[in-house]
Amino acid sequence: MTPETKVKNAICKFLLAHDGLYLERRQAGGFSYRAGAPDIWFVYRGRHVEVEFKAPGGTASSLQLKHEDRLRAAGSLYWRGHSPDDFERWFAEQFE
């Protein structure tokens, strides 16, 4: 399992413990996949959120940054990072 997959799995497990949350994962290379699109998206308490996972030390590509800018401009919440603990703190700030 890659370091990025470990981050993704930990965050998805955390999210799925919240009732009323709708989550979808995007599969790289899968049908209808867009290069640079964040790894998952979810809706919780009426807010649309996009999440980009990075392995520790990983950085976003220019295409990923373009998607991030466009999603934020459209009103989506957006989180990019490599620490499940950081994500949980960010989530609590947004929703609790």
Protein backbone atom coordinates (compact mmCIF):
# COMPACT_ATOMS: atom_id res chain seq x y z
CA MET A 1 0.00 0.00 0.00
CA THR A 2 1.40 3.39 -0.99
CA PRO A 3 1.83 6.20 1.58
CA GLU A 4 -0.85 8.21 -0.26
CA THR A 5 -3.28 5.27 -0.09
CA LYS A 6 -2.71 5.02 3.68
CA VAL A 7 -3.63 8.70 4.04
CA LYS A 8 -6.68 8.25 1.79
CA ASN A 9 -7.91 5.20 3.70
CA ALA A 10 -7.52 6.87 7.12
CA ILE A 11 -9.40 9.99 6.03
CA CYS A 12 -12.17 8.04 4.29
CA LYS A 13 -12.63 5.89 7.40
CA PHE A 14 -12.93 9.06 9.49
CA LEU A 15 -15.45 10.59 7.08
CA LEU A 16 -17.61 7.49 6.78
CA ALA A 17 -18.15 7.52 10.55
CA HIS A 18 -20.27 10.68 10.11
CA ASP A 19 -23.97 10.06 9.54
CA GLY A 20 -25.49 11.96 6.64
CA LEU A 21 -22.21 12.31 4.73
CA TYR A 22 -22.11 11.38 1.04
CA LEU A 23 -18.65 10.48 -0.28
CA GLU A 24 -17.25 9.41 -3.64
CA ARG A 25 -13.71 8.40 -4.57
CA ARG A 26 -12.24 9.14 -7.96
CA GLN A 27 -10.15 6.38 -9.50
CA ALA A 28 -7.13 7.58 -11.47
CA GLY A 29 -7.38 6.32 -15.02
CA GLY A 30 -10.95 5.14 -14.52
CA PHE A 31 -13.94 5.89 -16.73
CA SER A 32 -14.71 9.62 -16.73
CA TYR A 33 -11.53 10.42 -14.77
CA ARG A 34 -10.15 13.96 -15.26
CA ALA A 35 -6.44 14.44 -14.79
CA GLY A 36 -5.72 16.74 -11.87
CA ALA A 37 -9.12 16.25 -10.23
CA PRO A 38 -9.01 15.77 -6.44
CA ASP A 39 -9.03 12.23 -5.06
CA ILE A 40 -12.42 12.36 -3.34
CA TRP A 41 -15.37 14.63 -2.91
CA PHE A 42 -18.09 14.64 -0.31
CA VAL A 43 -21.15 16.55 0.78
CA TYR A 44 -21.80 17.13 4.45
CA ARG A 45 -24.26 19.52 6.07
CA GLY A 46 -25.01 21.04 2.70
CA ARG A 47 -21.38 21.82 1.85
CA HIS A 48 -19.47 20.39 -1.10
CA VAL A 49 -15.87 19.47 -0.27
CA GLU A 50 -13.00 18.33 -2.50
CA VAL A 51 -10.00 16.53 -1.00
CA GLU A 52 -6.57 15.93 -2.52
CA PHE A 53 -4.33 13.44 -0.72
CA LYS A 54 -0.58 13.66 -0.88
CA ALA A 55 2.05 11.27 0.35
CA PRO A 56 4.26 12.83 3.03
CA GLY A 57 6.53 15.25 1.20
CA GLY A 58 4.37 15.15 -1.94
CA THR A 59 3.40 18.33 -3.77
CA ALA A 60 0.52 19.31 -6.02
CA SER A 61 1.00 19.51 -9.77
CA SER A 62 0.18 22.68 -11.68
CA LEU A 63 -2.95 20.98 -13.04
CA GLN A 64 -4.06 20.05 -9.51
CA LEU A 65 -3.52 23.65 -8.39
CA LYS A 66 -5.63 24.84 -11.32
CA HIS A 67 -8.49 22.54 -10.25
CA GLU A 68 -8.12 23.74 -6.66
CA ASP A 69 -8.36 27.41 -7.70
CA ARG A 70 -11.42 26.80 -9.87
CA LEU A 71 -13.21 24.75 -7.21
CA ARG A 72 -12.56 27.33 -4.50
CA ALA A 73 -13.74 30.12 -6.84
CA ALA A 74 -16.97 28.17 -7.38
CA GLY A 75 -17.56 28.00 -3.61
CA SER A 76 -16.35 24.50 -2.80
CA LEU A 77 -14.41 23.79 0.36
CA TYR A 78 -11.03 22.26 -0.50
CA TRP A 79 -8.40 20.44 1.55
CA ARG A 80 -5.01 19.22 0.33
CA GLY A 81 -2.53 17.51 2.59
CA HIS A 82 -0.86 14.37 3.85
CA SER A 83 -1.83 14.13 7.51
CA PRO A 84 -5.07 12.51 8.65
CA ASP A 85 -4.70 14.43 11.94
CA ASP A 86 -4.48 17.74 10.06
CA PHE A 87 -7.56 16.79 8.04
CA GLU A 88 -9.54 15.96 11.18
CA ARG A 89 -8.64 19.34 12.72
CA TRP A 90 -9.61 21.13 9.48
CA PHE A 91 -12.89 19.18 9.32
CA ALA A 92 -13.76 20.13 12.91
CA GLU A 93 -13.11 23.81 12.13
CA GLN A 94 -15.44 23.65 9.12
CA PHE A 95 -18.31 21.61 10.56
CA GLU A 96 -18.35 21.60 14.35
